[in-house]
């Protein structure tokens, strides 16, 4: 189970990495049921990226996979073309990372949006790493 303290640590780590690279982002942490546990919008983060950050985390939680991995299934010719249209819409590009406990059981997910896709992924990975710290 993810505690609120865990979620706050995840957000703090994401914000720290975002500051390091100079990109204001939105960071969403969801629990294993894909319900919002914590959220932060850094000063200057794009309003349109709020929904994207939450939905990246939701996508990662629903499938226990990183969002860019799910995107591979959705590509034309992929095994699940159109999958992104299910579950009320999925975000299938990088920036959503599942959060696992020590037993490799899903306890939630983090989603980041506001920078370039590669920046969102870098920040999400740093945020997720805080759980293990």
Protein backbone atom coordinates (compact mmCIF):
# COMPACT_ATOMS: atom_id res chain seq x y z
CA UNK A 1 0.00 0.00 0.00
CA UNK A 2 1.17 3.49 -0.78
CA UNK A 3 0.93 6.02 2.03
CA UNK A 4 0.41 9.75 1.67
CA UNK A 5 4.00 10.20 2.85
CA UNK A 6 5.15 7.94 -0.01
CA UNK A 7 3.11 10.00 -2.47
CA UNK A 8 4.54 13.25 -1.15
CA UNK A 9 8.08 11.88 -1.45
CA UNK A 10 7.39 10.84 -5.05
CA UNK A 11 6.08 14.30 -5.91
CA UNK A 12 8.99 16.03 -4.18
CA UNK A 13 11.50 13.93 -6.14
CA UNK A 14 9.70 14.69 -9.40
CA UNK A 15 9.63 18.41 -8.67
CA UNK A 16 13.32 18.38 -7.74
CA UNK A 17 14.30 16.74 -11.03
CA UNK A 18 12.03 19.12 -12.96
CA UNK A 19 13.72 22.10 -11.30
CA UNK A 20 17.15 20.63 -12.11
CA UNK A 21 16.33 20.55 -15.81
CA UNK A 22 14.29 23.77 -15.78
CA UNK A 23 10.91 22.36 -16.78
CA UNK A 24 7.75 23.16 -14.78
CA UNK A 25 5.47 20.11 -14.80
CA UNK A 26 2.37 18.57 -13.33
CA UNK A 27 2.95 15.44 -11.25
CA UNK A 28 0.13 13.05 -10.42
CA UNK A 29 0.36 10.07 -8.07
CA UNK A 30 -2.44 7.52 -8.15
CA UNK A 31 -3.03 4.50 -5.94
CA UNK A 32 -3.36 0.93 -7.22
CA UNK A 33 -7.07 1.48 -7.92
CA UNK A 34 -6.14 4.40 -10.22
CA UNK A 35 -7.54 6.96 -7.79
CA UNK A 36 -5.73 10.24 -7.18
CA UNK A 37 -3.50 10.10 -4.11
CA UNK A 38 -1.53 13.35 -4.57
CA UNK A 39 -1.00 16.01 -7.20
CA UNK A 40 1.25 19.02 -7.73
CA UNK A 41 1.25 21.69 -10.42
CA UNK A 42 4.54 23.54 -10.40
CA UNK A 43 4.46 27.27 -11.00
CA UNK A 44 4.31 27.83 -14.73
CA UNK A 45 3.24 24.28 -15.62
CA UNK A 46 0.83 24.12 -18.52
CA UNK A 47 -2.86 23.90 -17.59
CA UNK A 48 -3.52 21.51 -20.45
CA UNK A 49 -0.98 19.10 -19.02
CA UNK A 50 -2.91 18.53 -15.79
CA UNK A 51 -5.25 16.03 -17.42
CA UNK A 52 -2.38 14.43 -19.34
CA UNK A 53 -0.34 13.84 -16.15
CA UNK A 54 -3.31 12.26 -14.37
CA UNK A 55 -4.14 10.10 -17.38
CA UNK A 56 -0.54 8.98 -17.82
CA UNK A 57 -0.58 7.76 -14.22
CA UNK A 58 -4.02 6.19 -14.75
CA UNK A 59 -2.86 4.37 -17.87
CA UNK A 60 0.25 3.05 -16.10
CA UNK A 61 -1.81 1.90 -13.11
CA UNK A 62 -4.51 0.20 -15.20
CA UNK A 63 -1.99 -1.86 -17.15
CA UNK A 64 0.93 -2.09 -14.66
CA UNK A 65 3.20 -0.89 -17.44
CA UNK A 66 5.02 2.24 -18.49
CA UNK A 67 2.90 4.28 -20.85
CA UNK A 68 5.37 4.19 -23.73
CA UNK A 69 5.35 0.36 -23.58
CA UNK A 70 1.55 0.40 -23.95
CA UNK A 71 2.01 2.74 -26.90
CA UNK A 72 3.90 0.00 -28.74
CA UNK A 73 0.75 -2.15 -28.72
CA UNK A 74 -1.32 0.72 -30.11
CA UNK A 75 0.76 1.53 -33.18
CA UNK A 76 -0.64 0.68 -36.60
CA UNK A 77 0.28 -2.94 -37.13
CA UNK A 78 0.65 -3.44 -33.37
CA UNK A 79 -1.07 -6.26 -31.56
CA UNK A 80 -3.69 -3.95 -30.01
CA UNK A 81 -4.23 -1.13 -32.48
CA UNK A 82 -6.87 1.21 -31.02
CA UNK A 83 -6.23 0.19 -27.39
CA UNK A 84 -5.75 3.87 -26.52
CA UNK A 85 -9.46 4.39 -27.20
CA UNK A 86 -10.49 2.05 -24.36
CA UNK A 87 -11.03 2.83 -20.67
CA UNK A 88 -12.23 6.34 -21.41
CA UNK A 89 -9.02 7.11 -23.29
CA UNK A 90 -5.44 6.21 -22.47
CA UNK A 91 -2.23 8.21 -22.79
CA UNK A 92 0.25 6.00 -24.59
CA UNK A 93 3.42 8.07 -24.79
CA UNK A 94 6.17 8.32 -22.16
CA UNK A 95 5.71 9.90 -18.75
CA UNK A 96 3.58 7.37 -16.88
CA UNK A 97 5.36 4.85 -14.64
CA UNK A 98 3.81 2.13 -12.45
CA UNK A 99 4.90 2.01 -8.81
CA UNK A 100 5.67 -1.41 -7.37
CA UNK A 101 6.32 -2.50 -3.80
CA UNK A 102 9.24 -4.68 -2.69
CA UNK A 103 7.26 -7.78 -3.70
CA UNK A 104 6.69 -6.38 -7.22
CA UNK A 105 3.00 -5.75 -6.52
CA UNK A 106 1.44 -2.65 -8.06
CA UNK A 107 0.75 0.04 -5.45
CA UNK A 108 0.10 2.95 -7.80
CA UNK A 109 1.56 5.03 -10.59
CA UNK A 110 3.08 8.42 -11.27
CA UNK A 111 2.36 10.56 -14.30
CA UNK A 112 4.26 13.66 -15.41
CA UNK A 113 3.37 16.16 -18.10
CA UNK A 114 4.49 19.63 -19.07
CA UNK A 115 7.82 19.16 -20.80
CA UNK A 116 8.92 17.34 -23.91
CA UNK A 117 8.07 13.65 -23.78
CA UNK A 118 11.68 12.67 -22.97
CA UNK A 119 11.74 15.23 -20.14
CA UNK A 120 8.45 13.95 -18.73
CA UNK A 121 9.87 10.42 -18.71
CA UNK A 122 13.10 11.53 -17.02
CA UNK A 123 11.13 13.31 -14.30
CA UNK A 124 8.70 10.41 -13.84
CA UNK A 125 11.59 7.98 -13.44
CA UNK A 126 13.21 10.20 -10.82
CA UNK A 127 9.88 10.49 -9.03
CA UNK A 128 9.32 6.73 -9.06
CA UNK A 129 12.86 6.11 -7.77
CA UNK A 130 11.96 8.01 -4.60
CA UNK A 131 9.67 5.14 -3.60
CA UNK A 132 12.62 2.78 -3.32
CA UNK A 133 14.74 5.31 -1.44
